[in-house]
C-alpha atoms as a PDB file:
ATOM      1  CA  MET A   1      21.965   1.294  20.785  1.00  0.00           C
ATOM      2  CA  THR A   2      19.791  -0.234  18.465  1.00  0.00           C
ATOM      3  CA  PRO A   3      16.540   1.618  17.458  1.00  0.00           C
ATOM      4  CA  THR A   4      12.779   0.293  17.156  1.00  0.00           C
ATOM      5  CA  ILE A   5      10.962   1.055  13.841  1.00  0.00           C
ATOM      6  CA  LEU A   6       7.295   1.606  14.977  1.00  0.00           C
ATOM      7  CA  LEU A   7       4.810   0.268  12.413  1.00  0.00           C
ATOM      8  CA  VAL A   8       1.462   1.862  12.627  1.00  0.00           C
ATOM      9  CA  ASN A   9      -2.020   1.108  11.160  1.00  0.00           C
ATOM     10  CA  LEU A  10      -5.449   2.420  12.198  1.00  0.00           C
ATOM     11  CA  GLY A  11      -6.423  -0.993  13.966  1.00  0.00           C
ATOM     12  CA  THR A  12      -9.067  -3.467  14.589  1.00  0.00           C
ATOM     13  CA  THR A  13     -11.392  -5.055  16.935  1.00  0.00           C
ATOM     14  CA  ASP A  14      -9.807  -7.968  18.957  1.00  0.00           C
ATOM     15  CA  ALA A  15     -12.834 -10.377  18.136  1.00  0.00           C
ATOM     16  CA  PRO A  16     -15.665 -10.447  15.826  1.00  0.00           C
ATOM     17  CA  THR A  17     -18.269 -10.577  18.242  1.00  0.00           C
ATOM     18  CA  PRO A  18     -20.738  -7.781  19.197  1.00  0.00           C
ATOM     19  CA  GLU A  19     -18.921  -6.738  22.810  1.00  0.00           C
ATOM     20  CA  ALA A  20     -15.239  -6.541  21.306  1.00  0.00           C
ATOM     21  CA  VAL A  21     -16.687  -4.635  18.486  1.00  0.00           C
ATOM     22  CA  ARG A  22     -18.440  -2.401  20.450  1.00  0.00           C
ATOM     23  CA  GLY A  23     -15.447  -1.420  22.791  1.00  0.00           C
ATOM     24  CA  PHE A  24     -13.350  -0.659  19.350  1.00  0.00           C
ATOM     25  CA  LEU A  25     -15.992   1.412  17.594  1.00  0.00           C
ATOM     26  CA  ARG A  26     -16.141   2.907  21.289  1.00  0.00           C
ATOM     27  CA  GLU A  27     -12.689   4.067  20.792  1.00  0.00           C
ATOM     28  CA  PHE A  28     -12.525   4.802  17.466  1.00  0.00           C
ATOM     29  CA  LEU A  29     -15.089   6.916  16.997  1.00  0.00           C
ATOM     30  CA  GLY A  30     -15.181   8.728  20.147  1.00  0.00           C
ATOM     31  CA  ASP A  31     -11.828  10.539  19.085  1.00  0.00           C
ATOM     32  CA  PRO A  32     -12.887  13.935  18.291  1.00  0.00           C
ATOM     33  CA  ARG A  33     -10.030  14.065  15.530  1.00  0.00           C
ATOM     34  CA  VAL A  34     -12.169  10.781  13.256  1.00  0.00           C
ATOM     35  CA  VAL A  35     -15.675  12.877  14.620  1.00  0.00           C
ATOM     36  CA  ASP A  36     -15.789  15.934  15.481  1.00  0.00           C
ATOM     37  CA  TRP A  37     -19.296  16.818  15.953  1.00  0.00           C
ATOM     38  CA  PRO A  38     -19.586  18.903  19.453  1.00  0.00           C
ATOM     39  CA  ALA A  39     -19.379  16.184  22.111  1.00  0.00           C
ATOM     40  CA  TRP A  40     -22.647  17.661  23.808  1.00  0.00           C
ATOM     41  CA  PHE A  41     -24.139  15.813  20.545  1.00  0.00           C
ATOM     42  CA  TRP A  42     -22.290  13.254  19.943  1.00  0.00           C
ATOM     43  CA  ARG A  43     -21.417  11.398  22.880  1.00  0.00           C
ATOM     44  CA  PRO A  44     -25.430  11.130  23.802  1.00  0.00           C
ATOM     45  CA  VAL A  45     -25.865   9.339  19.876  1.00  0.00           C
ATOM     46  CA  LEU A  46     -22.404   7.514  19.891  1.00  0.00           C
ATOM     47  CA  GLU A  47     -23.207   5.805  23.598  1.00  0.00           C
ATOM     48  CA  ARG A  48     -27.621   5.276  22.822  1.00  0.00           C
ATOM     49  CA  VAL A  49     -27.737   5.116  19.084  1.00  0.00           C
ATOM     50  CA  VAL A  50     -24.454   3.856  17.287  1.00  0.00           C
ATOM     51  CA  LEU A  51     -23.266   1.322  20.109  1.00  0.00           C
ATOM     52  CA  ARG A  52     -26.402  -0.071  20.362  1.00  0.00           C
ATOM     53  CA  SER A  53     -27.090  -0.539  16.880  1.00  0.00           C
ATOM     54  CA  ARG A  54     -23.896  -0.952  15.158  1.00  0.00           C
ATOM     55  CA  PRO A  55     -21.751  -3.980  16.996  1.00  0.00           C
ATOM     56  CA  ARG A  56     -23.844  -6.750  16.093  1.00  0.00           C
ATOM     57  CA  ARG A  57     -24.530  -6.082  12.534  1.00  0.00           C
ATOM     58  CA  VAL A  58     -20.588  -5.125  12.350  1.00  0.00           C
ATOM     59  CA  ALA A  59     -19.529  -8.200  14.078  1.00  0.00           C
ATOM     60  CA  ARG A  60     -21.538 -10.636  11.465  1.00  0.00           C
ATOM     61  CA  LEU A  61     -19.177  -8.910   8.781  1.00  0.00           C
ATOM     62  CA  TYR A  62     -16.154  -9.187  10.627  1.00  0.00           C
ATOM     63  CA  ALA A  63     -16.957 -12.810  10.839  1.00  0.00           C
ATOM     64  CA  SER A  64     -17.286 -13.423   7.519  1.00  0.00           C
ATOM     65  CA  ILE A  65     -13.756 -12.359   6.823  1.00  0.00           C
ATOM     66  CA  TRP A  66     -12.384 -13.078   9.950  1.00  0.00           C
ATOM     67  CA  SER A  67      -9.426 -16.043   9.440  1.00  0.00           C
ATOM     68  CA  GLU A  68      -7.335 -18.668  11.894  1.00  0.00           C
ATOM     69  CA  ASP A  69      -5.061 -15.872  12.436  1.00  0.00           C
ATOM     70  CA  GLY A  70      -7.415 -13.165  12.962  1.00  0.00           C
ATOM     71  CA  ALA A  71      -8.415 -10.284  11.649  1.00  0.00           C
ATOM     72  CA  PRO A  72      -7.474  -9.084   7.968  1.00  0.00           C
ATOM     73  CA  LEU A  73      -5.921  -5.990   8.889  1.00  0.00           C
ATOM     74  CA  ARG A  74      -3.913  -7.516  12.013  1.00  0.00           C
ATOM     75  CA  VAL A  75      -2.589 -10.218   9.829  1.00  0.00           C
ATOM     76  CA  GLY A  76      -1.685  -7.901   7.011  1.00  0.00           C
ATOM     77  CA  THR A  77      -0.161  -5.420   9.186  1.00  0.00           C
ATOM     78  CA  GLU A  78       1.882  -7.954  11.323  1.00  0.00           C
ATOM     79  CA  SER A  79       3.296  -9.566   7.739  1.00  0.00           C
ATOM     80  CA  LEU A  80       4.467  -6.150   6.458  1.00  0.00           C
ATOM     81  CA  GLY A  81       6.403  -5.792  10.059  1.00  0.00           C
ATOM     82  CA  ALA A  82       7.579  -9.592   9.331  1.00  0.00           C
ATOM     83  CA  GLY A  83       8.952  -8.071   5.918  1.00  0.00           C
ATOM     84  CA  LEU A  84      10.498  -5.173   7.088  1.00  0.00           C
ATOM     85  CA  GLN A  85      12.165  -6.644  10.084  1.00  0.00           C
ATOM     86  CA  ALA A  86      13.934  -9.486   7.569  1.00  0.00           C
ATOM     87  CA  ALA A  87      14.961  -6.655   5.446  1.00  0.00           C
ATOM     88  CA  LEU A  88      16.308  -4.645   8.005  1.00  0.00           C
ATOM     89  CA  GLY A  89      17.810  -7.737   9.690  1.00  0.00           C
ATOM     90  CA  VAL A  90      20.231  -6.508  12.882  1.00  0.00           C
ATOM     91  CA  GLU A  91      19.631  -2.899  12.061  1.00  0.00           C
ATOM     92  CA  ALA A  92      16.867  -2.200  13.989  1.00  0.00           C
ATOM     93  CA  ARG A  93      13.832  -4.203  16.168  1.00  0.00           C
ATOM     94  CA  VAL A  94      10.718  -3.661  14.131  1.00  0.00           C
ATOM     95  CA  GLU A  95       7.441  -3.420  16.272  1.00  0.00           C
ATOM     96  CA  VAL A  96       3.325  -3.419  14.980  1.00  0.00           C
ATOM     97  CA  ALA A  97       1.215  -1.249  16.978  1.00  0.00           C
ATOM     98  CA  TYR A  98      -2.267   0.363  16.255  1.00  0.00           C
ATOM     99  CA  ARG A  99      -3.737   3.727  16.969  1.00  0.00           C
ATOM    100  CA  TYR A 100      -7.099   1.782  18.151  1.00  0.00           C
ATOM    101  CA  GLY A 101      -7.255  -0.935  19.360  1.00  0.00           C
ATOM    102  CA  THR A 102      -4.540  -3.640  20.586  1.00  0.00           C
ATOM    103  CA  PRO A 103      -1.391  -3.744  20.844  1.00  0.00           C
ATOM    104  CA  GLY A 104      -2.507   0.268  21.495  1.00  0.00           C
ATOM    105  CA  LEU A 105       0.653   2.897  20.029  1.00  0.00           C
ATOM    106  CA  ALA A 106       0.965   5.116  22.941  1.00  0.00           C
ATOM    107  CA  ALA A 107       1.721   2.240  25.032  1.00  0.00           C
ATOM    108  CA  ALA A 108       4.271   0.818  22.738  1.00  0.00           C
ATOM    109  CA  LEU A 109       5.763   3.817  22.178  1.00  0.00           C
ATOM    110  CA  ARG A 110       6.363   4.543  25.600  1.00  0.00           C
ATOM    111  CA  ASP A 111       7.868   1.329  26.089  1.00  0.00           C
ATOM    112  CA  ALA A 112      10.168   2.055  22.688  1.00  0.00           C
ATOM    113  CA  ARG A 113      11.206   5.018  23.535  1.00  0.00           C
ATOM    114  CA  ALA A 114      12.681   3.878  27.339  1.00  0.00           C
ATOM    115  CA  ARG A 115      14.942   1.401  25.063  1.00  0.00           C
ATOM    116  CA  GLY A 116      16.087   3.534  22.528  1.00  0.00           C
ATOM    117  CA  PRO A 117      15.699   6.001  19.773  1.00  0.00           C
ATOM    118  CA  VAL A 118      12.347   5.694  17.667  1.00  0.00           C
ATOM    119  CA  VAL A 119      11.046   5.785  14.326  1.00  0.00           C
ATOM    120  CA  VAL A 120       7.274   5.858  14.048  1.00  0.00           C
ATOM    121  CA  ILE A 121       5.982   4.499  10.215  1.00  0.00           C
ATOM    122  CA  SER A 122       2.323   5.222   9.686  1.00  0.00           C
ATOM    123  CA  LEU A 123       0.418   3.192   7.394  1.00  0.00           C
ATOM    124  CA  PHE A 124      -1.498   6.403   5.652  1.00  0.00           C
ATOM    125  CA  PRO A 125      -0.381   7.791   2.163  1.00  0.00           C
ATOM    126  CA  HIS A 126      -2.849  10.352   2.605  1.00  0.00           C
ATOM    127  CA  ARG A 127      -3.053  13.145   5.156  1.00  0.00           C
ATOM    128  CA  THR A 128      -6.185  14.019   6.984  1.00  0.00           C
ATOM    129  CA  SER A 129      -7.364  14.443  10.533  1.00  0.00           C
ATOM    130  CA  SER A 130      -8.716  11.287  10.962  1.00  0.00           C
ATOM    131  CA  THR A 131      -5.814   9.258  10.183  1.00  0.00           C
ATOM    132  CA  THR A 132      -2.237  11.300  10.136  1.00  0.00           C
ATOM    133  CA  GLY A 133      -3.909  13.811  12.033  1.00  0.00           C
ATOM    134  CA  THR A 134      -4.438  11.980  14.993  1.00  0.00           C
ATOM    135  CA  LEU A 135      -1.482   9.539  14.837  1.00  0.00           C
ATOM    136  CA  ASP A 136       0.469  12.880  14.759  1.00  0.00           C
ATOM    137  CA  ALA A 137      -1.231  14.490  17.880  1.00  0.00           C
ATOM    138  CA  LEU A 138      -0.847  10.855  20.189  1.00  0.00           C
ATOM    139  CA  VAL A 139       2.963  10.929  19.181  1.00  0.00           C
ATOM    140  CA  ALA A 140       3.216  13.927  20.471  1.00  0.00           C
ATOM    141  CA  GLU A 141       0.961  13.724  23.290  1.00  0.00           C
ATOM    142  CA  VAL A 142       3.585  10.514  24.087  1.00  0.00           C
ATOM    143  CA  VAL A 143       6.377  12.411  23.610  1.00  0.00           C
ATOM    144  CA  SER A 144       5.466  15.564  25.753  1.00  0.00           C
ATOM    145  CA  GLU A 145       5.061  13.139  28.614  1.00  0.00           C
ATOM    146  CA  GLY A 146       9.306  13.679  29.784  1.00  0.00           C
ATOM    147  CA  ASP A 147      12.799  12.346  29.138  1.00  0.00           C
ATOM    148  CA  GLY A 148      12.998   9.627  27.142  1.00  0.00           C
ATOM    149  CA  HIS A 149      14.865   8.756  23.489  1.00  0.00           C
ATOM    150  CA  PRO A 150      13.693  11.041  20.494  1.00  0.00           C
ATOM    151  CA  VAL A 151      11.115   9.994  18.119  1.00  0.00           C
ATOM    152  CA  ARG A 152      10.327  10.640  14.788  1.00  0.00           C
ATOM    153  CA  LEU A 153       7.170  10.106  12.897  1.00  0.00           C
ATOM    154  CA  LEU A 154       7.110   9.485   9.231  1.00  0.00           C
ATOM    155  CA  HIS A 155       4.452   8.813   6.822  1.00  0.00           C
ATOM    156  CA  PRO A 156       4.502   7.450   3.048  1.00  0.00           C
ATOM    157  CA  GLU A 157       4.208   9.815   0.272  1.00  0.00           C
ATOM    158  CA  PRO A 158       1.404   9.223  -1.988  1.00  0.00           C
ATOM    159  CA  ASP A 159       3.051   8.856  -4.809  1.00  0.00           C
ATOM    160  CA  ASP A 160       6.358   7.349  -3.425  1.00  0.00           C
ATOM    161  CA  ALA A 161       8.036   5.221  -6.219  1.00  0.00           C
ATOM    162  CA  GLY A 162       8.000   2.293  -4.352  1.00  0.00           C
ATOM    163  CA  TYR A 163       4.398   2.247  -2.937  1.00  0.00           C
ATOM    164  CA  ILE A 164       2.862   3.016  -6.378  1.00  0.00           C
ATOM    165  CA  GLU A 165       5.443  -0.334  -7.306  1.00  0.00           C
ATOM    166  CA  ALA A 166       3.633  -2.152  -5.185  1.00  0.00           C
ATOM    167  CA  LEU A 167       0.336  -1.415  -6.939  1.00  0.00           C
ATOM    168  CA  ALA A 168       1.015  -2.066 -10.180  1.00  0.00           C
ATOM    169  CA  GLY A 169       2.373  -5.323  -8.808  1.00  0.00           C
ATOM    170  CA  ARG A 170      -0.858  -6.186  -7.555  1.00  0.00           C
ATOM    171  CA  TRP A 171      -2.575  -5.052 -10.714  1.00  0.00           C
ATOM    172  CA  ASP A 172       0.194  -7.086 -12.531  1.00  0.00           C
ATOM    173  CA  GLU A 173      -1.013 -10.475 -10.202  1.00  0.00           C
ATOM    174  CA  ALA A 174      -4.836  -9.485 -11.013  1.00  0.00           C
ATOM    175  CA  ARG A 175      -4.713  -8.541 -14.277  1.00  0.00           C
ATOM    176  CA  ALA A 176      -2.757 -12.072 -15.502  1.00  0.00           C
ATOM    177  CA  GLY A 177      -5.520 -14.153 -13.521  1.00  0.00           C
ATOM    178  CA  ALA A 178      -8.369 -12.546 -14.999  1.00  0.00           C
ATOM    179  CA  THR A 179     -10.280 -14.171 -17.434  1.00  0.00           C
ATOM    180  CA  GLU A 180     -10.666 -10.695 -19.412  1.00  0.00           C
ATOM    181  CA  VAL A 181      -8.875  -7.584 -19.555  1.00  0.00           C
ATOM    182  CA  PRO A 182     -11.611  -5.178 -17.724  1.00  0.00           C
ATOM    183  CA  GLU A 183     -12.422  -1.850 -19.395  1.00  0.00           C
ATOM    184  CA  HIS A 184     -12.514   0.564 -16.467  1.00  0.00           C
ATOM    185  CA  LEU A 185     -10.703   1.287 -13.684  1.00  0.00           C
ATOM    186  CA  VAL A 186     -11.937   2.574 -10.316  1.00  0.00           C
ATOM    187  CA  LEU A 187      -9.547   3.795  -8.298  1.00  0.00           C
ATOM    188  CA  SER A 188     -11.462   3.860  -4.773  1.00  0.00           C
ATOM    189  CA  TYR A 189     -10.305   5.941  -1.632  1.00  0.00           C
ATOM    190  CA  HIS A 190     -11.866   6.206   2.292  1.00  0.00           C
ATOM    191  CA  GLY A 191     -13.870   9.192   1.516  1.00  0.00           C
ATOM    192  CA  ILE A 192     -13.289  12.013   4.392  1.00  0.00           C
ATOM    193  CA  PRO A 193     -16.330  15.191   5.122  1.00  0.00           C
ATOM    194  CA  VAL A 194     -16.127  17.639   2.728  1.00  0.00           C
ATOM    195  CA  ARG A 195     -15.401  20.089   5.500  1.00  0.00           C
ATOM    196  CA  HIS A 196     -12.451  18.695   6.641  1.00  0.00           C
ATOM    197  CA  ASP A 197     -10.899  18.306   3.015  1.00  0.00           C
ATOM    198  CA  ARG A 198     -11.512  22.428   2.841  1.00  0.00           C
ATOM    199  CA  ARG A 199     -10.303  22.948   6.384  1.00  0.00           C
ATOM    200  CA  GLU A 200      -7.246  21.191   5.680  1.00  0.00           C
ATOM    201  CA  GLY A 201      -6.707  22.783   2.016  1.00  0.00           C
ATOM    202  CA  GLY A 202      -7.490  20.071  -0.093  1.00  0.00           C
ATOM    203  CA  THR A 203      -4.511  17.403   1.398  1.00  0.00           C
ATOM    204  CA  TYR A 204      -6.456  14.549   1.304  1.00  0.00           C
ATOM    205  CA  ARG A 205      -8.153  14.596  -1.990  1.00  0.00           C
ATOM    206  CA  ASP A 206      -5.059  16.133  -4.053  1.00  0.00           C
ATOM    207  CA  GLY A 207      -3.184  12.963  -2.342  1.00  0.00           C
ATOM    208  CA  CYS A 208      -5.420  10.651  -3.504  1.00  0.00           C
ATOM    209  CA  TYR A 209      -5.382  12.254  -7.245  1.00  0.00           C
ATOM    210  CA  ARG A 210      -1.665  12.056  -7.315  1.00  0.00           C
ATOM    211  CA  THR A 211      -1.542   8.492  -6.466  1.00  0.00           C
ATOM    212  CA  THR A 212      -4.257   7.771  -9.178  1.00  0.00           C
ATOM    213  CA  GLY A 213      -1.897   9.508 -11.809  1.00  0.00           C
ATOM    214  CA  ALA A 214       1.276   8.136 -10.710  1.00  0.00           C
ATOM    215  CA  PHE A 215      -0.214   4.936 -10.806  1.00  0.00           C
ATOM    216  CA  LEU A 216      -1.678   5.024 -14.218  1.00  0.00           C
ATOM    217  CA  GLU A 217       1.579   6.520 -15.175  1.00  0.00           C
ATOM    218  CA  ARG A 218       3.281   3.599 -14.489  1.00  0.00           C
ATOM    219  CA  ILE A 219       1.019   0.945 -15.756  1.00  0.00           C
ATOM    220  CA  GLY A 220       0.438   2.792 -19.400  1.00  0.00           C
ATOM    221  CA  TRP A 221      -3.496   3.169 -18.570  1.00  0.00           C
ATOM    222  CA  ASP A 222      -5.866   5.384 -20.441  1.00  0.00           C
ATOM    223  CA  PRO A 223      -6.452   8.447 -17.605  1.00  0.00           C
ATOM    224  CA  THR A 224     -10.455   8.350 -19.435  1.00  0.00           C
ATOM    225  CA  ARG A 225     -11.121   4.840 -18.823  1.00  0.00           C
ATOM    226  CA  ALA A 226      -9.942   5.446 -15.148  1.00  0.00           C
ATOM    227  CA  THR A 227     -12.088   7.193 -12.466  1.00  0.00           C
ATOM    228  CA  THR A 228     -10.689   8.140  -8.317  1.00  0.00           C
ATOM    229  CA  THR A 229     -13.830   7.604  -6.231  1.00  0.00           C
ATOM    230  CA  PHE A 230     -14.600   7.246  -2.423  1.00  0.00           C
ATOM    231  CA  GLN A 231     -16.259   5.267  -0.139  1.00  0.00           C
ATOM    232  CA  SER A 232     -17.194   4.198   3.117  1.00  0.00           C
ATOM    233  CA  ARG A 233     -19.527   7.288   4.215  1.00  0.00           C
ATOM    234  CA  PHE A 234     -20.084   7.885   7.482  1.00  0.00           C
ATOM    235  CA  GLY A 235     -23.138  10.501   8.790  1.00  0.00           C
ATOM    236  CA  PRO A 236     -25.236  13.135   7.309  1.00  0.00           C
ATOM    237  CA  GLU A 237     -22.938  15.318   5.848  1.00  0.00           C
ATOM    238  CA  PRO A 238     -21.554  15.919   2.167  1.00  0.00           C
ATOM    239  CA  TRP A 239     -18.451  14.008   1.756  1.00  0.00           C
ATOM    240  CA  LEU A 240     -15.995  13.743  -0.907  1.00  0.00           C
ATOM    241  CA  GLY A 241     -16.882  11.887  -4.164  1.00  0.00           C
ATOM    242  CA  PRO A 242     -17.816  10.496  -6.626  1.00  0.00           C
ATOM    243  CA  ALA A 243     -19.060   7.647  -4.226  1.00  0.00           C
ATOM    244  CA  THR A 244     -17.799   4.561  -5.313  1.00  0.00           C
ATOM    245  CA  ASP A 245     -21.090   2.619  -4.914  1.00  0.00           C
ATOM    246  CA  ALA A 246     -23.204   4.846  -7.719  1.00  0.00           C
ATOM    247  CA  THR A 247     -19.965   5.054  -9.872  1.00  0.00           C
ATOM    248  CA  LEU A 248     -19.537   1.844  -9.951  1.00  0.00           C
ATOM    249  CA  VAL A 249     -23.748   1.399 -10.980  1.00  0.00           C
ATOM    250  CA  GLU A 250     -23.255   4.320 -13.470  1.00  0.00           C
ATOM    251  CA  LEU A 251     -20.496   2.584 -15.309  1.00  0.00           C
ATOM    252  CA  ALA A 252     -23.041  -0.598 -15.579  1.00  0.00           C
ATOM    253  CA  ARG A 253     -25.573   1.210 -16.797  1.00  0.00           C
ATOM    254  CA  LYS A 254     -23.525   3.026 -19.536  1.00  0.00           C
ATOM    255  CA  GLY A 255     -22.648  -0.228 -21.058  1.00  0.00           C
ATOM    256  CA  ILE A 256     -19.221  -0.846 -19.253  1.00  0.00           C
ATOM    257  CA  GLY A 257     -19.244  -4.927 -18.712  1.00  0.00           C
ATOM    258  CA  GLY A 258     -15.994  -4.984 -17.118  1.00  0.00           C
ATOM    259  CA  VAL A 259     -14.452  -3.221 -14.116  1.00  0.00           C
ATOM    260  CA  ALA A 260     -11.411  -3.677 -11.747  1.00  0.00           C
ATOM    261  CA  VAL A 261     -11.097  -1.819  -8.223  1.00  0.00           C
ATOM    262  CA  LEU A 262      -8.437  -1.092  -6.768  1.00  0.00           C
ATOM    263  CA  THR A 263      -8.050   0.664  -3.033  1.00  0.00           C
ATOM    264  CA  PRO A 264      -4.882   1.841  -3.095  1.00  0.00           C
ATOM    265  CA  GLY A 265      -5.345   3.789   0.230  1.00  0.00           C
ATOM    266  CA  PHE A 266      -5.761   0.880   2.586  1.00  0.00           C
ATOM    267  CA  LEU A 267      -2.203  -0.719   2.611  1.00  0.00           C
ATOM    268  CA  THR A 268      -3.445  -4.031   4.073  1.00  0.00           C
ATOM    269  CA  GLU A 269      -7.059  -5.618   3.680  1.00  0.00           C
ATOM    270  CA  GLY A 270      -9.730  -5.122   6.243  1.00  0.00           C
ATOM    271  CA  LEU A 271     -13.590  -4.806   6.131  1.00  0.00           C
ATOM    272  CA  GLU A 272     -13.768  -1.949   3.507  1.00  0.00           C
ATOM    273  CA  THR A 273     -11.976  -3.792   0.904  1.00  0.00           C
ATOM    274  CA  LEU A 274     -13.029  -7.302   1.710  1.00  0.00           C
ATOM    275  CA  GLU A 275     -16.535  -6.582   2.512  1.00  0.00           C
ATOM    276  CA  GLU A 276     -17.343  -3.379   1.126  1.00  0.00           C
ATOM    277  CA  ILE A 277     -15.792  -3.778  -2.367  1.00  0.00           C
ATOM    278  CA  GLY A 278     -15.274  -7.735  -2.552  1.00  0.00           C
ATOM    279  CA  VAL A 279     -19.162  -8.054  -1.854  1.00  0.00           C
ATOM    280  CA  GLU A 280     -21.635  -5.450  -1.589  1.00  0.00           C
ATOM    281  CA  ALA A 281     -19.983  -3.151  -4.896  1.00  0.00           C
ATOM    282  CA  ARG A 282     -19.566  -6.332  -6.553  1.00  0.00           C
ATOM    283  CA  GLN A 283     -23.105  -7.168  -6.345  1.00  0.00           C
ATOM    284  CA  GLU A 284     -24.199  -3.657  -6.757  1.00  0.00           C
ATOM    285  CA  PHE A 285     -22.114  -3.896  -9.775  1.00  0.00           C
ATOM    286  CA  LEU A 286     -23.589  -6.701 -11.523  1.00  0.00           C
ATOM    287  CA  ALA A 287     -26.813  -5.939 -10.579  1.00  0.00           C
ATOM    288  CA  ALA A 288     -26.778  -3.284 -11.917  1.00  0.00           C
ATOM    289  CA  GLY A 289     -25.948  -5.202 -15.485  1.00  0.00           C
ATOM    290  CA  GLY A 290     -22.401  -5.274 -15.272  1.00  0.00           C
ATOM    291  CA  ARG A 291     -20.537  -8.273 -16.313  1.00  0.00           C
ATOM    292  CA  SER A 292     -17.488  -9.124 -14.509  1.00  0.00           C
ATOM    293  CA  PHE A 293     -15.812  -7.146 -11.201  1.00  0.00           C
ATOM    294  CA  LEU A 294     -12.253  -7.719 -10.239  1.00  0.00           C
ATOM    295  CA  ARG A 295     -11.131  -6.895  -7.089  1.00  0.00           C
ATOM    296  CA  VAL A 296      -7.200  -5.800  -6.951  1.00  0.00           C
ATOM    297  CA  PRO A 297      -5.731  -7.098  -3.258  1.00  0.00           C
ATOM    298  CA  CYS A 298      -4.324  -4.195  -1.212  1.00  0.00           C
ATOM    299  CA  VAL A 299      -0.600  -4.038  -1.498  1.00  0.00           C
ATOM    300  CA  GLY A 300       0.375  -5.573   2.107  1.00  0.00           C
ATOM    301  CA  ALA A 301       3.672  -7.119   2.199  1.00  0.00           C
ATOM    302  CA  HIS A 302       4.926  -6.496  -1.468  1.00  0.00           C
ATOM    303  CA  PRO A 303       8.184  -6.518  -1.647  1.00  0.00           C
ATOM    304  CA  ALA A 304       8.674  -2.834  -3.504  1.00  0.00           C
ATOM    305  CA  LEU A 305       6.409  -1.655  -0.422  1.00  0.00           C
ATOM    306  CA  VAL A 306       8.984  -3.082   1.925  1.00  0.00           C
ATOM    307  CA  GLU A 307      11.931  -1.849   0.103  1.00  0.00           C
ATOM    308  CA  ALA A 308      10.134   1.594   0.291  1.00  0.00           C
ATOM    309  CA  PHE A 309       9.373   1.340   4.045  1.00  0.00           C
ATOM    310  CA  VAL A 310      13.229   0.262   4.720  1.00  0.00           C
ATOM    311  CA  ARG A 311      14.480   3.411   3.084  1.00  0.00           C
ATOM    312  CA  LEU A 312      11.731   5.534   5.411  1.00  0.00           C
ATOM    313  CA  ALA A 313      13.068   3.576   8.389  1.00  0.00           C
ATOM    314  CA  ARG A 314      16.483   4.183   7.342  1.00  0.00           C
ATOM    315  CA  ASP A 315      16.383   7.927   6.223  1.00  0.00           C
ATOM    316  CA  GLY A 316      14.130   8.385   9.688  1.00  0.00           C
ATOM    317  CA  VAL A 317      16.590   7.433  12.255  1.00  0.00           C
ATOM    318  CA  VAL A 318      16.826  10.632  14.407  1.00  0.00           C
ATOM    319  CA  SER A 319      19.816  12.643  15.656  1.00  0.00           C
ATOM    320  CA  GLY A 320      21.714  10.125  18.066  1.00  0.00           C
ATOM    321  CA  ALA A 321      20.918   6.820  16.565  1.00  0.00           C
ATOM    322  CA  SER A 322      22.941   4.483  15.499  1.00  0.00           C
ATOM    323  CA  ALA A 323      22.580   5.065  11.915  1.00  0.00           C
ATOM    324  CA  LEU A 324      20.557   2.702   9.894  1.00  0.00           C
ATOM    325  CA  GLY A 325      22.486   0.828   6.812  1.00  0.00           C
ATOM    326  CA  GLU A 326      25.922   1.383   8.594  1.00  0.00           C
ATOM    327  CA  GLY A 327      28.341  -1.622   7.057  1.00  0.00           C
ATOM    328  CA  SER A 328      24.924  -3.264   5.556  1.00  0.00           C
ATOM    329  CA  GLU A 329      25.076  -4.544   2.341  1.00  0.00           C
ATOM    330  CA  ARG A 330      21.480  -3.844   1.239  1.00  0.00           C
END
């Protein structure tokens, strides 16, 4: 029986329109593991304020990065899935799904589980309630619905050797095309509320620093010339810091003329990397006196990451599945 490898990313809007963005944001921001404020407070704010004010602006941002193939996050996730399928061949059937948006994880998992054993692999190397937590909960909910083939859920480790090698590969490619070597590296991760990180024992923050440390060691970069930062703050409460935008402005004002920014927590491109870093952060750094700004692309379907996911898939096949890699020369 051929197992299914279900590759799962966060999700994206189906179209760069206010209507499509509104539907996506309603599902995403309506998840209590993403925004855990009391429902009596948050639901009215979400419906009457956020979903009236944000969709038009966010749709314009999506339109600025949209390609003929669709949303960059979807294109990147499907490319990674295709790479994994090519590497595994007939050993497994690889499919892509999203926690929010379409194709949705719940429906994809039900269909796959009806056919045979399933290994769910997330694109989240850093663990927190708003990514791995909500994914874990949804998978558990589907599995609890009744009889079906076994399911295994796996998340990549923040210092997985293949993941770090893929980051190093993208860094080498970006540096080779740059006009000058950056003076300072900024490794920017998606922020989360401080309250969440404390509640979870610091797992998310520690994971981000594990990635930074492993990456800097791999490329032989002086840690004093690198800063770990956090971006994409949402809401009024304190979030993990230092903030990416403020750090870049501070570096420029201190006389650091050239920086490179990597976004290791985003395995595929999206608004947070192409717009928030590639446009907004670049503008802020240059306006503060910086000279050169290099954005290092996301790892995407880098061969080293594909190989890391091949190992995860083969290690993750649950009891009762045909062994991945059995009889394979790869």
